[in-house]
């Protein structure tokens, strides 16, 4: 799935991704990133979705160049 980083809280190490394919924003934690420790608002990303008790979570997140 692809989306755009809507929000990233660097000090907390998490944020949210917006995608046309899902109604809700997708939570992303820094542990779900490939080869990075943070994201930047507005970056385009590709990721997999994992369903959790709290809602969808992005994993295997990589920035699309």
PDB file of N, CA and C in Angstrom:
ATOM      1  N   UNK A   1       0.843  -1.159   0.000  1.00  0.00           N
ATOM      2  CA  UNK A   1       0.000   0.000   0.000  1.00  0.00           C
ATOM      3  C   UNK A   1       0.901   1.237   0.000  1.00  0.00           C
ATOM      4  N   UNK A   2       0.392   2.334  -0.562  1.00  0.00           N
ATOM      5  CA  UNK A   2       1.152   3.575  -0.596  1.00  0.00           C
ATOM      6  C   UNK A   2       0.367   4.692   0.072  1.00  0.00           C
ATOM      7  N   UNK A   3       1.089   5.664   0.613  1.00  0.00           N
ATOM      8  CA  UNK A   3       0.450   6.799   1.263  1.00  0.00           C
ATOM      9  C   UNK A   3       1.425   7.928   1.476  1.00  0.00           C
ATOM     10  N   UNK A   4       0.969   8.940   2.191  1.00  0.00           N
ATOM     11  CA  UNK A   4       1.765  10.131   2.477  1.00  0.00           C
ATOM     12  C   UNK A   4       1.794  10.327   3.991  1.00  0.00           C
ATOM     13  N   UNK A   5       2.973  10.663   4.509  1.00  0.00           N
ATOM     14  CA  UNK A   5       3.113  10.919   5.940  1.00  0.00           C
ATOM     15  C   UNK A   5       2.353  12.210   6.272  1.00  0.00           C
ATOM     16  N   UNK A   6       1.299  12.060   7.070  1.00  0.00           N
ATOM     17  CA  UNK A   6       0.482  13.222   7.434  1.00  0.00           C
ATOM     18  C   UNK A   6       1.056  13.935   8.651  1.00  0.00           C
ATOM     19  N   UNK A   7       1.588  13.160   9.593  1.00  0.00           N
ATOM     20  CA  UNK A   7       2.133  13.708  10.829  1.00  0.00           C
ATOM     21  C   UNK A   7       3.270  12.825  11.304  1.00  0.00           C
ATOM     22  N   UNK A   8       4.331  13.434  11.815  1.00  0.00           N
ATOM     23  CA  UNK A   8       5.424  12.665  12.416  1.00  0.00           C
ATOM     24  C   UNK A   8       5.904  13.405  13.655  1.00  0.00           C
ATOM     25  N   UNK A   9       5.859  12.735  14.793  1.00  0.00           N
ATOM     26  CA  UNK A   9       6.307  13.312  16.064  1.00  0.00           C
ATOM     27  C   UNK A   9       7.675  12.730  16.374  1.00  0.00           C
ATOM     28  N   UNK A  10       8.709  13.449  15.986  1.00  0.00           N
ATOM     29  CA  UNK A  10      10.082  12.958  16.075  1.00  0.00           C
ATOM     30  C   UNK A  10      10.487  12.583  17.499  1.00  0.00           C
ATOM     31  N   UNK A  11      10.112  13.391  18.463  1.00  0.00           N
ATOM     32  CA  UNK A  11      10.507  13.122  19.851  1.00  0.00           C
ATOM     33  C   UNK A  11       9.823  11.870  20.404  1.00  0.00           C
ATOM     34  N   UNK A  12       8.675  11.512  19.852  1.00  0.00           N
ATOM     35  CA  UNK A  12       7.942  10.332  20.316  1.00  0.00           C
ATOM     36  C   UNK A  12       8.225   9.096  19.451  1.00  0.00           C
ATOM     37  N   UNK A  13       8.711   9.323  18.237  1.00  0.00           N
ATOM     38  CA  UNK A  13       9.061   8.210  17.365  1.00  0.00           C
ATOM     39  C   UNK A  13       7.884   7.533  16.683  1.00  0.00           C
ATOM     40  N   UNK A  14       6.826   8.304  16.445  1.00  0.00           N
ATOM     41  CA  UNK A  14       5.691   7.741  15.716  1.00  0.00           C
ATOM     42  C   UNK A  14       4.953   8.831  14.954  1.00  0.00           C
ATOM     43  N   UNK A  15       4.032   8.381  14.103  1.00  0.00           N
ATOM     44  CA  UNK A  15       3.247   9.319  13.320  1.00  0.00           C
ATOM     45  C   UNK A  15       2.084   8.615  12.651  1.00  0.00           C
ATOM     46  N   UNK A  16       1.557   9.258  11.612  1.00  0.00           N
ATOM     47  CA  UNK A  16       0.386   8.733  10.923  1.00  0.00           C
ATOM     48  C   UNK A  16       0.540   8.917   9.415  1.00  0.00           C
ATOM     49  N   UNK A  17       0.053   7.925   8.685  1.00  0.00           N
ATOM     50  CA  UNK A  17       0.103   7.938   7.223  1.00  0.00           C
ATOM     51  C   UNK A  17      -1.320   8.029   6.694  1.00  0.00           C
ATOM     52  N   UNK A  18      -1.500   8.871   5.698  1.00  0.00           N
ATOM     53  CA  UNK A  18      -2.798   9.016   5.048  1.00  0.00           C
ATOM     54  C   UNK A  18      -2.732   8.284   3.710  1.00  0.00           C
ATOM     55  N   UNK A  19      -3.783   7.515   3.409  1.00  0.00           N
ATOM     56  CA  UNK A  19      -3.830   6.779   2.149  1.00  0.00           C
ATOM     57  C   UNK A  19      -5.236   6.822   1.581  1.00  0.00           C
ATOM     58  N   UNK A  20      -5.351   6.776   0.267  1.00  0.00           N
ATOM     59  CA  UNK A  20      -6.661   6.781  -0.390  1.00  0.00           C
ATOM     60  C   UNK A  20      -7.395   5.462  -0.190  1.00  0.00           C
ATOM     61  N   UNK A  21      -6.665   4.412   0.129  1.00  0.00           N
ATOM     62  CA  UNK A  21      -7.245   3.074   0.227  1.00  0.00           C
ATOM     63  C   UNK A  21      -7.938   2.796   1.561  1.00  0.00           C
ATOM     64  N   UNK A  22      -7.660   3.606   2.572  1.00  0.00           N
ATOM     65  CA  UNK A  22      -8.255   3.380   3.887  1.00  0.00           C
ATOM     66  C   UNK A  22      -8.897   4.660   4.396  1.00  0.00           C
ATOM     67  N   UNK A  23     -10.001   4.514   5.106  1.00  0.00           N
ATOM     68  CA  UNK A  23     -10.710   5.661   5.646  1.00  0.00           C
ATOM     69  C   UNK A  23      -9.946   6.311   6.805  1.00  0.00           C
ATOM     70  N   UNK A  24      -9.381   5.462   7.687  1.00  0.00           N
ATOM     71  CA  UNK A  24      -8.639   5.957   8.845  1.00  0.00           C
ATOM     72  C   UNK A  24      -7.170   6.168   8.489  1.00  0.00           C
ATOM     73  N   UNK A  25      -6.532   7.080   9.237  1.00  0.00           N
ATOM     74  CA  UNK A  25      -5.083   7.226   9.112  1.00  0.00           C
ATOM     75  C   UNK A  25      -4.438   5.972   9.688  1.00  0.00           C
ATOM     76  N   UNK A  26      -3.270   5.633   9.175  1.00  0.00           N
ATOM     77  CA  UNK A  26      -2.558   4.436   9.616  1.00  0.00           C
ATOM     78  C   UNK A  26      -1.424   4.860  10.547  1.00  0.00           C
ATOM     79  N   UNK A  27      -1.403   4.294  11.750  1.00  0.00           N
ATOM     80  CA  UNK A  27      -0.362   4.565  12.738  1.00  0.00           C
ATOM     81  C   UNK A  27       0.956   3.966  12.260  1.00  0.00           C
ATOM     82  N   UNK A  28       2.056   4.675  12.479  1.00  0.00           N
ATOM     83  CA  UNK A  28       3.374   4.143  12.145  1.00  0.00           C
ATOM     84  C   UNK A  28       4.329   4.464  13.288  1.00  0.00           C
ATOM     85  N   UNK A  29       5.034   3.441  13.756  1.00  0.00           N
ATOM     86  CA  UNK A  29       6.025   3.572  14.820  1.00  0.00           C
ATOM     87  C   UNK A  29       7.409   3.429  14.190  1.00  0.00           C
ATOM     88  N   UNK A  30       8.418   4.063  14.786  1.00  0.00           N
ATOM     89  CA  UNK A  30       9.759   4.015  14.192  1.00  0.00           C
ATOM     90  C   UNK A  30      10.277   2.582  14.053  1.00  0.00           C
ATOM     91  N   UNK A  31       9.797   1.653  14.857  1.00  0.00           N
ATOM     92  CA  UNK A  31      10.246   0.260  14.743  1.00  0.00           C
ATOM     93  C   UNK A  31       9.707  -0.408  13.473  1.00  0.00           C
ATOM     94  N   UNK A  32       8.707   0.191  12.830  1.00  0.00           N
ATOM     95  CA  UNK A  32       8.152  -0.353  11.595  1.00  0.00           C
ATOM     96  C   UNK A  32       8.819   0.175  10.339  1.00  0.00           C
ATOM     97  N   UNK A  33       9.845   1.028  10.508  1.00  0.00           N
ATOM     98  CA  UNK A  33      10.531   1.623   9.362  1.00  0.00           C
ATOM     99  C   UNK A  33      11.689   0.750   8.908  1.00  0.00           C
ATOM    100  N   UNK A  34      11.879   0.694   7.596  1.00  0.00           N
ATOM    101  CA  UNK A  34      13.028  -0.011   7.021  1.00  0.00           C
ATOM    102  C   UNK A  34      14.169   0.991   6.839  1.00  0.00           C
ATOM    103  N   UNK A  35      15.333   0.696   7.388  1.00  0.00           N
ATOM    104  CA  UNK A  35      16.558   1.479   7.170  1.00  0.00           C
ATOM    105  C   UNK A  35      16.476   2.945   7.565  1.00  0.00           C
ATOM    106  N   UNK A  36      15.554   3.301   8.461  1.00  0.00           N
ATOM    107  CA  UNK A  36      15.424   4.690   8.921  1.00  0.00           C
ATOM    108  C   UNK A  36      14.965   4.703  10.359  1.00  0.00           C
ATOM    109  N   UNK A  37      15.095   5.862  10.986  1.00  0.00           N
ATOM    110  CA  UNK A  37      14.619   6.022  12.368  1.00  0.00           C
ATOM    111  C   UNK A  37      13.479   7.038  12.439  1.00  0.00           C
ATOM    112  N   UNK A  38      13.250   7.780  11.345  1.00  0.00           N
ATOM    113  CA  UNK A  38      12.181   8.780  11.364  1.00  0.00           C
ATOM    114  C   UNK A  38      11.666   9.046   9.953  1.00  0.00           C
ATOM    115  N   UNK A  39      10.556   9.759   9.892  1.00  0.00           N
ATOM    116  CA  UNK A  39       9.953  10.172   8.629  1.00  0.00           C
ATOM    117  C   UNK A  39       9.767  11.683   8.659  1.00  0.00           C
ATOM    118  N   UNK A  40       9.393  12.242   7.507  1.00  0.00           N
ATOM    119  CA  UNK A  40       9.158  13.677   7.391  1.00  0.00           C
ATOM    120  C   UNK A  40       7.761  13.871   6.818  1.00  0.00           C
ATOM    121  N   UNK A  41       7.030  14.811   7.388  1.00  0.00           N
ATOM    122  CA  UNK A  41       5.689  15.101   6.900  1.00  0.00           C
ATOM    123  C   UNK A  41       5.727  15.379   5.397  1.00  0.00           C
ATOM    124  N   UNK A  42       4.818  14.737   4.657  1.00  0.00           N
ATOM    125  CA  UNK A  42       4.739  14.930   3.212  1.00  0.00           C
ATOM    126  C   UNK A  42       5.471  13.880   2.397  1.00  0.00           C
ATOM    127  N   UNK A  43       6.305  13.046   3.041  1.00  0.00           N
ATOM    128  CA  UNK A  43       7.021  12.003   2.306  1.00  0.00           C
ATOM    129  C   UNK A  43       6.046  10.930   1.817  1.00  0.00           C
ATOM    130  N   UNK A  44       6.294  10.433   0.612  1.00  0.00           N
ATOM    131  CA  UNK A  44       5.507   9.320   0.082  1.00  0.00           C
ATOM    132  C   UNK A  44       6.153   8.025   0.543  1.00  0.00           C
ATOM    133  N   UNK A  45       5.321   7.099   1.017  1.00  0.00           N
ATOM    134  CA  UNK A  45       5.833   5.841   1.553  1.00  0.00           C
ATOM    135  C   UNK A  45       5.051   4.645   1.019  1.00  0.00           C
ATOM    136  N   UNK A  46       5.716   3.501   1.057  1.00  0.00           N
ATOM    137  CA  UNK A  46       5.096   2.212   0.717  1.00  0.00           C
ATOM    138  C   UNK A  46       5.185   1.367   1.980  1.00  0.00           C
ATOM    139  N   UNK A  47       4.127   0.612   2.283  1.00  0.00           N
ATOM    140  CA  UNK A  47       4.094  -0.135   3.532  1.00  0.00           C
ATOM    141  C   UNK A  47       3.071  -1.266   3.496  1.00  0.00           C
ATOM    142  N   UNK A  48       3.162  -2.140   4.483  1.00  0.00           N
ATOM    143  CA  UNK A  48       2.182  -3.199   4.710  1.00  0.00           C
ATOM    144  C   UNK A  48       1.342  -2.780   5.908  1.00  0.00           C
ATOM    145  N   UNK A  49       0.114  -3.275   5.984  1.00  0.00           N
ATOM    146  CA  UNK A  49      -0.766  -2.943   7.099  1.00  0.00           C
ATOM    147  C   UNK A  49      -0.956  -4.160   7.991  1.00  0.00           C
ATOM    148  N   UNK A  50      -0.799  -3.922   9.289  1.00  0.00           N
ATOM    149  CA  UNK A  50      -1.031  -4.960  10.292  1.00  0.00           C
ATOM    150  C   UNK A  50      -2.204  -4.483  11.150  1.00  0.00           C
ATOM    151  N   UNK A  51      -3.245  -5.311  11.276  1.00  0.00           N
ATOM    152  CA  UNK A  51      -4.381  -4.948  12.115  1.00  0.00           C
ATOM    153  C   UNK A  51      -4.030  -5.212  13.566  1.00  0.00           C
ATOM    154  N   UNK A  52      -4.292  -4.236  14.429  1.00  0.00           N
ATOM    155  CA  UNK A  52      -4.036  -4.378  15.861  1.00  0.00           C
ATOM    156  C   UNK A  52      -5.323  -4.036  16.616  1.00  0.00           C
ATOM    157  N   UNK A  53      -5.304  -4.234  17.925  1.00  0.00           N
ATOM    158  CA  UNK A  53      -6.462  -3.894  18.759  1.00  0.00           C
ATOM    159  C   UNK A  53      -6.808  -2.410  18.664  1.00  0.00           C
ATOM    160  N   UNK A  54      -5.800  -1.580  18.459  1.00  0.00           N
ATOM    161  CA  UNK A  54      -6.001  -0.133  18.403  1.00  0.00           C
ATOM    162  C   UNK A  54      -6.278   0.381  16.996  1.00  0.00           C
ATOM    163  N   UNK A  55      -6.224  -0.483  16.005  1.00  0.00           N
ATOM    164  CA  UNK A  55      -6.452  -0.067  14.621  1.00  0.00           C
ATOM    165  C   UNK A  55      -5.297  -0.459  13.731  1.00  0.00           C
ATOM    166  N   UNK A  56      -5.316   0.005  12.475  1.00  0.00           N
ATOM    167  CA  UNK A  56      -4.268  -0.369  11.529  1.00  0.00           C
ATOM    168  C   UNK A  56      -2.914   0.235  11.892  1.00  0.00           C
ATOM    169  N   UNK A  57      -1.860  -0.564  11.670  1.00  0.00           N
ATOM    170  CA  UNK A  57      -0.486  -0.133  11.953  1.00  0.00           C
ATOM    171  C   UNK A  57       0.365  -0.426  10.724  1.00  0.00           C
ATOM    172  N   UNK A  58       1.180   0.537  10.323  1.00  0.00           N
ATOM    173  CA  UNK A  58       2.066   0.363   9.171  1.00  0.00           C
ATOM    174  C   UNK A  58       3.339  -0.363   9.607  1.00  0.00           C
ATOM    175  N   UNK A  59       3.731  -1.359   8.806  1.00  0.00           N
ATOM    176  CA  UNK A  59       4.984  -2.073   9.036  1.00  0.00           C
ATOM    177  C   UNK A  59       5.746  -2.152   7.713  1.00  0.00           C
ATOM    178  N   UNK A  60       7.014  -2.468   7.777  1.00  0.00           N
ATOM    179  CA  UNK A  60       7.866  -2.543   6.576  1.00  0.00           C
ATOM    180  C   UNK A  60       7.751  -1.266   5.741  1.00  0.00           C
ATOM    181  N   UNK A  61       7.820  -0.137   6.416  1.00  0.00           N
ATOM    182  CA  UNK A  61       7.634   1.172   5.765  1.00  0.00           C
ATOM    183  C   UNK A  61       8.940   1.600   5.103  1.00  0.00           C
ATOM    184  N   UNK A  62       8.814   1.986   3.828  1.00  0.00           N
ATOM    185  CA  UNK A  62       9.978   2.522   3.110  1.00  0.00           C
ATOM    186  C   UNK A  62       9.554   3.755   2.320  1.00  0.00           C
ATOM    187  N   UNK A  63      10.449   4.733   2.253  1.00  0.00           N
ATOM    188  CA  UNK A  63      10.181   5.962   1.513  1.00  0.00           C
ATOM    189  C   UNK A  63      10.331   5.680   0.035  1.00  0.00           C
ATOM    190  N   UNK A  64       9.379   6.203  -0.741  1.00  0.00           N
ATOM    191  CA  UNK A  64       9.436   6.068  -2.201  1.00  0.00           C
ATOM    192  C   UNK A  64      10.192   7.273  -2.731  1.00  0.00           C
ATOM    193  N   UNK A  65      11.274   7.034  -3.414  1.00  0.00           N
ATOM    194  CA  UNK A  65      12.115   8.130  -3.931  1.00  0.00           C
ATOM    195  C   UNK A  65      11.453   8.821  -5.089  1.00  0.00           C
TER     196      UNK A  65
END
